[in-house]
N, C-alpha and C. Protein backbone atom coordinates (compact mmCIF):
# COMPACT_ATOMS: atom_id res chain seq x y z
N MET A 1 83.58 124.83 92.39
CA MET A 1 84.51 125.10 93.47
C MET A 1 84.47 123.97 94.50
N GLN A 2 83.27 123.51 94.81
CA GLN A 2 83.12 122.45 95.82
C GLN A 2 83.78 121.16 95.35
N ASN A 3 83.67 120.82 94.05
CA ASN A 3 84.30 119.62 93.52
C ASN A 3 85.82 119.72 93.61
N TRP A 4 86.37 120.92 93.34
CA TRP A 4 87.80 121.10 93.42
C TRP A 4 88.30 120.87 94.85
N VAL A 5 87.55 121.37 95.83
CA VAL A 5 87.93 121.18 97.24
C VAL A 5 87.90 119.70 97.57
N ARG A 6 86.90 118.97 97.08
CA ARG A 6 86.80 117.54 97.33
C ARG A 6 87.99 116.80 96.71
N VAL A 7 88.36 117.16 95.48
CA VAL A 7 89.51 116.54 94.82
C VAL A 7 90.79 116.87 95.57
N GLU A 8 90.94 118.13 96.00
CA GLU A 8 92.12 118.54 96.75
C GLU A 8 92.22 117.77 98.07
N ASN A 9 91.08 117.56 98.75
CA ASN A 9 91.08 116.78 99.98
C ASN A 9 91.47 115.33 99.72
N LYS A 10 91.01 114.77 98.59
CA LYS A 10 91.39 113.41 98.23
C LYS A 10 92.89 113.32 98.02
N HIS A 11 93.47 114.35 97.36
CA HIS A 11 94.92 114.37 97.15
C HIS A 11 95.65 114.41 98.48
N GLN A 12 95.19 115.26 99.38
CA GLN A 12 95.82 115.36 100.69
C GLN A 12 95.70 114.05 101.46
N ASN A 13 94.51 113.46 101.44
CA ASN A 13 94.30 112.19 102.13
C ASN A 13 95.19 111.10 101.53
N LEU A 14 95.30 111.08 100.21
CA LEU A 14 96.14 110.09 99.54
C LEU A 14 97.60 110.28 99.93
N LYS A 15 98.07 111.51 99.92
CA LYS A 15 99.45 111.78 100.29
C LYS A 15 99.71 111.39 101.75
N LEU A 16 98.77 111.70 102.63
CA LEU A 16 98.92 111.31 104.03
C LEU A 16 98.95 109.79 104.17
N PHE A 17 98.04 109.12 103.47
CA PHE A 17 97.99 107.66 103.52
C PHE A 17 99.29 107.05 103.02
N LEU A 18 99.78 107.53 101.86
CA LEU A 18 101.01 106.99 101.30
C LEU A 18 102.20 107.28 102.22
N SER A 19 102.24 108.47 102.80
CA SER A 19 103.31 108.81 103.74
C SER A 19 103.28 107.88 104.95
N PHE A 20 102.08 107.65 105.49
CA PHE A 20 101.93 106.75 106.64
C PHE A 20 102.35 105.34 106.26
N LEU A 21 101.95 104.88 105.08
CA LEU A 21 102.29 103.54 104.62
C LEU A 21 103.80 103.38 104.49
N ILE A 22 104.46 104.36 103.89
CA ILE A 22 105.91 104.30 103.72
C ILE A 22 106.60 104.33 105.07
N LEU A 23 106.15 105.19 105.97
CA LEU A 23 106.73 105.26 107.31
C LEU A 23 106.55 103.94 108.05
N ASN A 24 105.35 103.38 107.98
CA ASN A 24 105.06 102.11 108.65
C ASN A 24 105.94 100.99 108.09
N LEU A 25 106.03 100.91 106.76
CA LEU A 25 106.85 99.87 106.15
C LEU A 25 108.32 100.06 106.51
N SER A 26 108.77 101.32 106.52
CA SER A 26 110.16 101.60 106.89
C SER A 26 110.45 101.15 108.31
N MET A 27 109.55 101.45 109.23
CA MET A 27 109.76 101.04 110.62
C MET A 27 109.75 99.52 110.74
N ASN A 28 108.82 98.87 110.06
CA ASN A 28 108.78 97.40 110.10
C ASN A 28 110.05 96.79 109.54
N LEU A 29 110.55 97.36 108.43
CA LEU A 29 111.80 96.87 107.87
C LEU A 29 112.94 97.05 108.85
N TYR A 30 113.01 98.23 109.43
CA TYR A 30 114.07 98.54 110.39
C TYR A 30 114.04 97.56 111.57
N LEU A 31 112.85 97.35 112.11
CA LEU A 31 112.72 96.44 113.26
C LEU A 31 113.07 95.00 112.87
N ARG A 32 112.67 94.59 111.68
CA ARG A 32 113.01 93.23 111.25
C ARG A 32 114.50 93.08 111.04
N PHE A 33 115.16 94.13 110.53
CA PHE A 33 116.60 94.07 110.33
C PHE A 33 117.33 93.99 111.67
N ILE A 34 116.85 94.71 112.67
CA ILE A 34 117.49 94.69 113.98
C ILE A 34 117.31 93.33 114.64
N ASP A 35 116.12 92.73 114.50
CA ASP A 35 115.82 91.47 115.16
C ASP A 35 116.54 90.28 114.52
N GLN A 36 116.93 90.40 113.26
CA GLN A 36 117.57 89.28 112.58
C GLN A 36 119.05 89.25 112.92
N SER A 37 119.60 88.07 113.12
CA SER A 37 121.02 87.97 113.46
C SER A 37 121.90 87.82 112.23
N SER A 38 121.37 87.29 111.15
CA SER A 38 122.16 87.04 109.95
C SER A 38 121.99 88.15 108.94
N PHE A 39 123.12 88.64 108.41
CA PHE A 39 123.06 89.70 107.40
C PHE A 39 122.39 89.20 106.13
N ILE A 40 122.63 87.92 105.78
CA ILE A 40 121.99 87.35 104.59
C ILE A 40 120.48 87.34 104.78
N MET A 41 120.03 87.01 105.99
CA MET A 41 118.60 87.03 106.27
C MET A 41 118.04 88.43 106.09
N LYS A 42 118.79 89.43 106.51
CA LYS A 42 118.34 90.82 106.38
C LYS A 42 118.18 91.18 104.91
N ARG A 43 119.14 90.78 104.09
CA ARG A 43 119.04 91.07 102.65
C ARG A 43 117.85 90.35 102.05
N SER A 44 117.64 89.11 102.46
CA SER A 44 116.52 88.33 101.96
C SER A 44 115.19 88.97 102.32
N VAL A 45 115.10 89.47 103.54
CA VAL A 45 113.87 90.15 103.98
C VAL A 45 113.64 91.39 103.13
N PHE A 46 114.70 92.16 102.85
CA PHE A 46 114.56 93.36 102.02
C PHE A 46 114.01 93.00 100.65
N VAL A 47 114.59 91.98 100.02
CA VAL A 47 114.13 91.55 98.68
C VAL A 47 112.68 91.10 98.74
N ASP A 48 112.32 90.34 99.77
CA ASP A 48 110.94 89.89 99.93
C ASP A 48 109.97 91.06 100.10
N VAL A 49 110.36 92.05 100.88
CA VAL A 49 109.48 93.21 101.11
C VAL A 49 109.32 94.01 99.82
N VAL A 50 110.40 94.21 99.09
CA VAL A 50 110.31 94.94 97.81
C VAL A 50 109.41 94.18 96.84
N ALA A 51 109.59 92.87 96.77
CA ALA A 51 108.73 92.06 95.89
C ALA A 51 107.27 92.20 96.31
N PHE A 52 107.02 92.16 97.61
CA PHE A 52 105.65 92.31 98.12
C PHE A 52 105.08 93.68 97.75
N LEU A 53 105.89 94.73 97.85
CA LEU A 53 105.42 96.08 97.49
C LEU A 53 105.05 96.15 96.01
N PHE A 54 105.86 95.53 95.16
CA PHE A 54 105.52 95.50 93.73
C PHE A 54 104.23 94.70 93.50
N VAL A 55 104.09 93.57 94.18
CA VAL A 55 102.86 92.77 94.05
C VAL A 55 101.66 93.61 94.48
N LEU A 56 101.77 94.25 95.60
CA LEU A 56 100.69 95.10 96.10
C LEU A 56 100.32 96.18 95.08
N LEU A 57 101.32 96.88 94.57
CA LEU A 57 101.09 97.93 93.59
C LEU A 57 100.47 97.39 92.31
N PHE A 58 101.06 96.34 91.75
CA PHE A 58 100.61 95.83 90.46
C PHE A 58 99.23 95.16 90.54
N VAL A 59 98.99 94.39 91.59
CA VAL A 59 97.68 93.74 91.72
C VAL A 59 96.59 94.79 91.93
N TYR A 60 96.89 95.78 92.77
CA TYR A 60 95.92 96.85 93.01
C TYR A 60 95.59 97.61 91.72
N THR A 61 96.63 98.03 90.98
CA THR A 61 96.37 98.82 89.78
C THR A 61 95.74 97.97 88.68
N ALA A 62 96.18 96.72 88.53
CA ALA A 62 95.58 95.85 87.52
C ALA A 62 94.10 95.60 87.82
N THR A 63 93.80 95.35 89.08
CA THR A 63 92.40 95.14 89.48
C THR A 63 91.56 96.37 89.19
N SER A 64 92.09 97.54 89.53
CA SER A 64 91.37 98.79 89.27
C SER A 64 91.12 98.97 87.78
N LYS A 65 92.11 98.63 86.97
CA LYS A 65 91.98 98.76 85.51
C LYS A 65 90.94 97.79 84.96
N PHE A 66 90.97 96.55 85.43
CA PHE A 66 89.99 95.57 84.96
C PHE A 66 88.58 95.89 85.43
N LEU A 67 88.43 96.41 86.65
CA LEU A 67 87.10 96.73 87.17
C LEU A 67 86.43 97.86 86.41
N ASP A 68 87.22 98.80 85.90
CA ASP A 68 86.67 99.89 85.10
C ASP A 68 87.41 99.95 83.77
N PHE A 69 87.35 98.81 83.06
CA PHE A 69 88.14 98.64 81.85
C PHE A 69 87.81 99.67 80.77
N SER A 70 86.54 99.97 80.60
CA SER A 70 86.16 100.92 79.54
C SER A 70 86.75 102.31 79.82
N LEU A 71 86.73 102.75 81.08
CA LEU A 71 87.33 104.03 81.43
C LEU A 71 88.84 103.99 81.22
N PHE A 72 89.47 102.91 81.63
CA PHE A 72 90.92 102.76 81.44
C PHE A 72 91.27 102.87 79.96
N LYS A 73 90.52 102.18 79.12
CA LYS A 73 90.77 102.19 77.68
C LYS A 73 90.55 103.60 77.09
N GLU A 74 89.51 104.29 77.56
CA GLU A 74 89.24 105.66 77.10
C GLU A 74 90.37 106.61 77.50
N GLN A 75 90.87 106.47 78.72
CA GLN A 75 91.95 107.34 79.18
C GLN A 75 93.22 107.11 78.38
N ILE A 76 93.50 105.88 78.05
CA ILE A 76 94.68 105.58 77.22
C ILE A 76 94.49 106.19 75.84
N ALA A 77 93.28 106.11 75.31
CA ALA A 77 93.00 106.65 73.98
C ALA A 77 93.16 108.18 73.94
N GLU A 78 93.07 108.85 75.09
CA GLU A 78 93.24 110.30 75.15
C GLU A 78 94.72 110.70 75.14
N SER A 79 95.59 109.76 75.34
CA SER A 79 97.02 110.05 75.35
C SER A 79 97.53 110.24 73.93
N PRO A 80 98.25 111.33 73.67
CA PRO A 80 98.78 111.53 72.31
C PRO A 80 99.84 110.49 71.94
N ILE A 81 100.43 109.86 72.92
CA ILE A 81 101.48 108.86 72.68
C ILE A 81 100.86 107.48 72.42
N LEU A 82 99.85 107.13 73.20
CA LEU A 82 99.30 105.77 73.16
C LEU A 82 98.02 105.61 72.35
N ALA A 83 97.44 106.70 71.89
CA ALA A 83 96.15 106.63 71.19
C ALA A 83 96.12 105.60 70.05
N PRO A 84 97.14 105.55 69.20
CA PRO A 84 97.08 104.58 68.09
C PRO A 84 97.08 103.12 68.52
N ILE A 85 97.59 102.84 69.71
CA ILE A 85 97.69 101.44 70.17
C ILE A 85 96.91 101.22 71.46
N ALA A 86 95.94 102.07 71.72
CA ALA A 86 95.19 102.04 72.99
C ALA A 86 94.53 100.69 73.25
N GLY A 87 93.93 100.10 72.22
CA GLY A 87 93.24 98.82 72.41
C GLY A 87 94.17 97.72 72.90
N GLY A 88 95.34 97.62 72.32
CA GLY A 88 96.30 96.60 72.73
C GLY A 88 96.92 96.89 74.09
N ILE A 89 97.28 98.15 74.31
CA ILE A 89 97.89 98.55 75.57
C ILE A 89 96.93 98.32 76.74
N ALA A 90 95.64 98.55 76.49
CA ALA A 90 94.64 98.38 77.55
C ALA A 90 94.63 96.95 78.07
N TRP A 91 94.97 95.99 77.24
CA TRP A 91 95.03 94.60 77.69
C TRP A 91 96.43 94.23 78.19
N ILE A 92 97.45 94.69 77.48
CA ILE A 92 98.83 94.29 77.79
C ILE A 92 99.26 94.76 79.18
N VAL A 93 98.94 96.01 79.54
CA VAL A 93 99.43 96.55 80.81
C VAL A 93 98.90 95.78 82.03
N PRO A 94 97.58 95.64 82.20
CA PRO A 94 97.14 94.93 83.41
C PRO A 94 97.49 93.44 83.41
N ILE A 95 97.50 92.82 82.25
CA ILE A 95 97.89 91.40 82.19
C ILE A 95 99.37 91.27 82.57
N SER A 96 100.21 92.19 82.10
CA SER A 96 101.63 92.18 82.46
C SER A 96 101.80 92.37 83.96
N GLU A 97 101.03 93.27 84.54
CA GLU A 97 101.11 93.51 85.98
C GLU A 97 100.76 92.25 86.77
N VAL A 98 99.76 91.53 86.33
CA VAL A 98 99.35 90.29 87.01
C VAL A 98 100.42 89.21 86.86
N ILE A 99 100.94 89.04 85.65
CA ILE A 99 101.97 88.01 85.42
C ILE A 99 103.22 88.30 86.24
N ILE A 100 103.64 89.57 86.26
CA ILE A 100 104.82 89.94 87.04
C ILE A 100 104.56 89.69 88.53
N SER A 101 103.37 90.00 88.99
CA SER A 101 103.03 89.76 90.39
C SER A 101 103.12 88.29 90.74
N ILE A 102 102.63 87.44 89.86
CA ILE A 102 102.71 86.00 90.09
C ILE A 102 104.17 85.55 90.15
N MET A 103 104.99 86.07 89.25
CA MET A 103 106.43 85.73 89.26
C MET A 103 107.06 86.13 90.59
N LEU A 104 106.69 87.30 91.10
CA LEU A 104 107.29 87.80 92.34
C LEU A 104 106.88 86.99 93.56
N LEU A 105 105.79 86.27 93.48
CA LEU A 105 105.32 85.47 94.61
C LEU A 105 106.12 84.19 94.81
N PHE A 106 106.78 83.72 93.75
CA PHE A 106 107.51 82.46 93.83
C PHE A 106 109.01 82.72 93.93
N PRO A 107 109.64 82.22 95.00
CA PRO A 107 111.08 82.49 95.21
C PRO A 107 111.96 82.14 94.01
N ASN A 108 111.66 81.06 93.31
CA ASN A 108 112.49 80.66 92.16
C ASN A 108 112.37 81.64 90.99
N TRP A 109 111.29 82.39 90.94
CA TRP A 109 111.03 83.34 89.85
C TRP A 109 111.20 84.79 90.29
N ARG A 110 111.47 85.00 91.57
CA ARG A 110 111.47 86.36 92.14
C ARG A 110 112.47 87.30 91.46
N THR A 111 113.68 86.86 91.24
CA THR A 111 114.68 87.75 90.63
C THR A 111 114.27 88.13 89.22
N ARG A 112 113.79 87.16 88.45
CA ARG A 112 113.30 87.47 87.10
C ARG A 112 112.11 88.42 87.17
N GLY A 113 111.23 88.17 88.13
CA GLY A 113 110.09 89.05 88.32
C GLY A 113 110.51 90.47 88.67
N LEU A 114 111.57 90.59 89.48
CA LEU A 114 112.08 91.92 89.82
C LEU A 114 112.61 92.63 88.58
N TYR A 115 113.27 91.90 87.69
CA TYR A 115 113.74 92.50 86.44
C TYR A 115 112.56 93.00 85.61
N PHE A 116 111.53 92.17 85.49
CA PHE A 116 110.35 92.58 84.73
C PHE A 116 109.63 93.76 85.39
N ALA A 117 109.53 93.73 86.72
CA ALA A 117 108.89 94.84 87.45
C ALA A 117 109.68 96.13 87.23
N LEU A 118 111.00 96.03 87.31
CA LEU A 118 111.84 97.21 87.08
C LEU A 118 111.67 97.72 85.65
N GLY A 119 111.64 96.80 84.70
CA GLY A 119 111.44 97.18 83.30
C GLY A 119 110.10 97.87 83.08
N LEU A 120 109.04 97.32 83.66
CA LEU A 120 107.72 97.92 83.52
C LEU A 120 107.68 99.30 84.17
N MET A 121 108.31 99.44 85.34
CA MET A 121 108.36 100.75 86.00
C MET A 121 109.17 101.74 85.18
N MET A 122 110.20 101.28 84.48
CA MET A 122 110.97 102.17 83.60
C MET A 122 110.10 102.67 82.45
N VAL A 123 109.31 101.76 81.89
CA VAL A 123 108.39 102.15 80.82
C VAL A 123 107.39 103.17 81.35
N PHE A 124 106.78 102.89 82.51
CA PHE A 124 105.82 103.83 83.10
C PHE A 124 106.47 105.19 83.37
N THR A 125 107.69 105.18 83.91
CA THR A 125 108.37 106.42 84.25
C THR A 125 108.72 107.21 83.00
N THR A 126 109.17 106.53 81.95
CA THR A 126 109.45 107.20 80.67
C THR A 126 108.18 107.83 80.12
N TYR A 127 107.07 107.10 80.20
CA TYR A 127 105.79 107.63 79.75
C TYR A 127 105.42 108.89 80.54
N ILE A 128 105.60 108.85 81.85
CA ILE A 128 105.27 110.01 82.69
C ILE A 128 106.12 111.22 82.28
N LEU A 129 107.40 111.00 82.06
CA LEU A 129 108.28 112.10 81.64
C LEU A 129 107.83 112.69 80.31
N LEU A 130 107.44 111.83 79.38
CA LEU A 130 106.94 112.31 78.09
C LEU A 130 105.63 113.08 78.25
N ILE A 131 104.73 112.58 79.07
CA ILE A 131 103.45 113.25 79.31
C ILE A 131 103.69 114.62 79.96
N MET A 132 104.62 114.67 80.90
CA MET A 132 104.91 115.94 81.57
C MET A 132 105.45 116.96 80.58
N LYS A 133 106.16 116.51 79.55
CA LYS A 133 106.67 117.41 78.50
C LYS A 133 105.56 117.85 77.55
N LEU A 134 104.64 116.93 77.24
CA LEU A 134 103.61 117.21 76.26
C LEU A 134 102.43 118.01 76.83
N SER A 135 101.89 117.53 77.95
CA SER A 135 100.72 118.18 78.51
C SER A 135 100.47 117.66 79.92
N LYS A 136 100.02 118.54 80.78
CA LYS A 136 99.69 118.13 82.15
C LYS A 136 98.20 117.83 82.31
N HIS A 137 97.44 117.96 81.24
CA HIS A 137 96.00 117.80 81.34
C HIS A 137 95.50 116.44 80.85
N ILE A 138 96.41 115.53 80.60
CA ILE A 138 96.02 114.20 80.17
C ILE A 138 95.68 113.39 81.42
N PRO A 139 94.51 112.73 81.43
CA PRO A 139 94.13 111.98 82.64
C PRO A 139 95.04 110.79 82.87
N CYS A 140 95.20 110.48 84.13
CA CYS A 140 95.99 109.32 84.53
C CYS A 140 95.14 108.07 84.36
N SER A 141 95.77 107.02 83.87
CA SER A 141 95.05 105.76 83.67
C SER A 141 95.61 104.66 84.57
N CYS A 142 96.25 105.06 85.67
CA CYS A 142 96.89 104.09 86.56
C CYS A 142 95.89 103.20 87.29
N GLY A 143 94.78 103.74 87.65
CA GLY A 143 93.77 102.97 88.35
C GLY A 143 93.75 103.24 89.84
N GLY A 144 92.54 103.22 90.41
CA GLY A 144 92.37 103.38 91.85
C GLY A 144 92.82 104.73 92.37
N ILE A 145 93.19 104.76 93.64
CA ILE A 145 93.56 106.04 94.26
C ILE A 145 94.87 106.58 93.72
N ILE A 146 95.66 105.73 93.08
CA ILE A 146 96.92 106.20 92.50
C ILE A 146 96.66 107.18 91.37
N SER A 147 95.53 107.06 90.71
CA SER A 147 95.20 107.98 89.62
C SER A 147 94.93 109.40 90.13
N LEU A 148 94.79 109.58 91.44
CA LEU A 148 94.59 110.91 92.01
C LEU A 148 95.91 111.68 92.17
N LEU A 149 97.04 111.01 92.03
CA LEU A 149 98.33 111.67 92.15
C LEU A 149 98.57 112.62 90.97
N SER A 150 99.31 113.68 91.22
CA SER A 150 99.73 114.56 90.13
C SER A 150 100.82 113.83 89.34
N TRP A 151 101.14 114.32 88.14
CA TRP A 151 102.19 113.69 87.35
C TRP A 151 103.52 113.74 88.09
N ARG A 152 103.79 114.84 88.79
CA ARG A 152 105.03 114.98 89.57
C ARG A 152 105.06 113.92 90.69
N ASP A 153 103.93 113.75 91.38
CA ASP A 153 103.86 112.74 92.45
C ASP A 153 104.02 111.33 91.89
N HIS A 154 103.45 111.08 90.70
CA HIS A 154 103.65 109.80 90.02
C HIS A 154 105.13 109.55 89.78
N LEU A 155 105.80 110.59 89.31
CA LEU A 155 107.22 110.46 89.01
C LEU A 155 108.01 110.12 90.28
N ILE A 156 107.69 110.76 91.38
CA ILE A 156 108.36 110.49 92.65
C ILE A 156 108.09 109.05 93.10
N LEU A 157 106.83 108.63 93.04
CA LEU A 157 106.46 107.26 93.42
C LEU A 157 107.21 106.25 92.55
N ASN A 158 107.21 106.47 91.24
CA ASN A 158 107.88 105.55 90.33
C ASN A 158 109.39 105.51 90.58
N CYS A 159 110.00 106.67 90.82
CA CYS A 159 111.44 106.70 91.10
C CYS A 159 111.75 105.92 92.38
N GLY A 160 110.88 106.02 93.37
CA GLY A 160 111.05 105.24 94.59
C GLY A 160 111.00 103.75 94.30
N PHE A 161 110.04 103.32 93.48
CA PHE A 161 109.94 101.91 93.12
C PHE A 161 111.12 101.48 92.25
N LEU A 162 111.60 102.37 91.37
CA LEU A 162 112.77 102.04 90.57
C LEU A 162 114.00 101.81 91.45
N LEU A 163 114.17 102.68 92.42
CA LEU A 163 115.31 102.54 93.34
C LEU A 163 115.20 101.25 94.15
N LEU A 164 114.02 101.00 94.72
CA LEU A 164 113.83 99.77 95.49
C LEU A 164 114.04 98.53 94.62
N GLY A 165 113.50 98.54 93.41
CA GLY A 165 113.63 97.41 92.51
C GLY A 165 115.09 97.15 92.13
N ALA A 166 115.83 98.22 91.82
CA ALA A 166 117.24 98.06 91.46
C ALA A 166 118.04 97.52 92.64
N LEU A 167 117.79 98.04 93.83
CA LEU A 167 118.50 97.54 95.02
C LEU A 167 118.17 96.07 95.28
N ALA A 168 116.91 95.72 95.15
CA ALA A 168 116.50 94.33 95.38
C ALA A 168 117.16 93.39 94.37
N ILE A 169 117.29 93.82 93.12
CA ILE A 169 117.95 92.99 92.11
C ILE A 169 119.42 92.81 92.45
N VAL A 170 120.10 93.90 92.79
CA VAL A 170 121.52 93.81 93.15
C VAL A 170 121.70 92.86 94.34
N ILE A 171 120.85 93.03 95.35
CA ILE A 171 120.95 92.19 96.55
C ILE A 171 120.65 90.73 96.23
N SER A 172 119.60 90.48 95.45
CA SER A 172 119.25 89.09 95.15
C SER A 172 120.31 88.45 94.26
N ARG A 173 120.90 89.20 93.35
CA ARG A 173 121.98 88.65 92.52
C ARG A 173 123.21 88.36 93.37
N TYR A 174 123.50 89.22 94.33
CA TYR A 174 124.63 88.99 95.24
C TYR A 174 124.38 87.72 96.06
N ASP A 175 123.16 87.57 96.56
CA ASP A 175 122.83 86.38 97.34
C ASP A 175 122.98 85.12 96.51
N ILE A 176 122.52 85.17 95.25
CA ILE A 176 122.62 84.00 94.37
C ILE A 176 124.09 83.67 94.12
N ALA A 177 124.88 84.70 93.80
CA ALA A 177 126.31 84.48 93.54
C ALA A 177 127.02 83.99 94.80
N HIS A 178 126.68 84.56 95.96
CA HIS A 178 127.31 84.18 97.22
C HIS A 178 126.97 82.73 97.59
N VAL A 179 125.69 82.36 97.43
CA VAL A 179 125.27 80.99 97.74
C VAL A 179 125.92 80.02 96.78
N SER A 180 125.99 80.37 95.49
CA SER A 180 126.61 79.48 94.49
C SER A 180 128.07 79.27 94.78
N SER A 181 128.80 80.35 95.14
CA SER A 181 130.23 80.20 95.40
C SER A 181 130.48 79.43 96.71
N SER A 182 129.63 79.63 97.70
CA SER A 182 129.83 78.90 98.97
C SER A 182 129.47 77.43 98.81
N ASN A 183 128.51 77.11 97.93
CA ASN A 183 128.17 75.70 97.67
C ASN A 183 129.27 75.00 96.88
N SER A 184 129.98 75.73 96.03
CA SER A 184 131.03 75.08 95.24
C SER A 184 132.27 74.78 96.10
N HIS A 185 132.41 75.44 97.26
CA HIS A 185 133.53 75.18 98.15
C HIS A 185 133.30 73.95 99.02
N HIS A 186 132.09 73.44 99.06
CA HIS A 186 131.77 72.30 99.94
C HIS A 186 131.89 70.99 99.23
């Protein structure tokens, strides 16, 4: 009973922390948008913040997976979907997260990185939906405090990142097209 209370408190603390983080980031974004005079600058800031959020998420989870690699690999092996390919997936996922994070750090690679980040989040979200259909008792292998989330909370978090990623791609593609067309007029 005492362990359950401790786990429940961790869930509550995690939800409070994530709520505070989202609120803080939202306020910072809002204030930066108000302070900027150029609409293009505002869009650029949004894309940069979304890229930073993906980097933060992916570097954190990849690091957590690498630091406790044997546990990560065991948890993947417990999945009825991933068990046959657990050894390969255990390496591919965190390495992909690191590579995508590196892409997102460089402006010339950012849009491609956003596509890869969105694709990876789609794979993760599809996996979550399948796990929710199959069983709710399969351990999460996300890494770190994110692994304390319920499958439903994971789905909400992933949908938020999917929405942010899609918006950032649309905005960055618009900026690229807008800059290209304005340069061709000069």
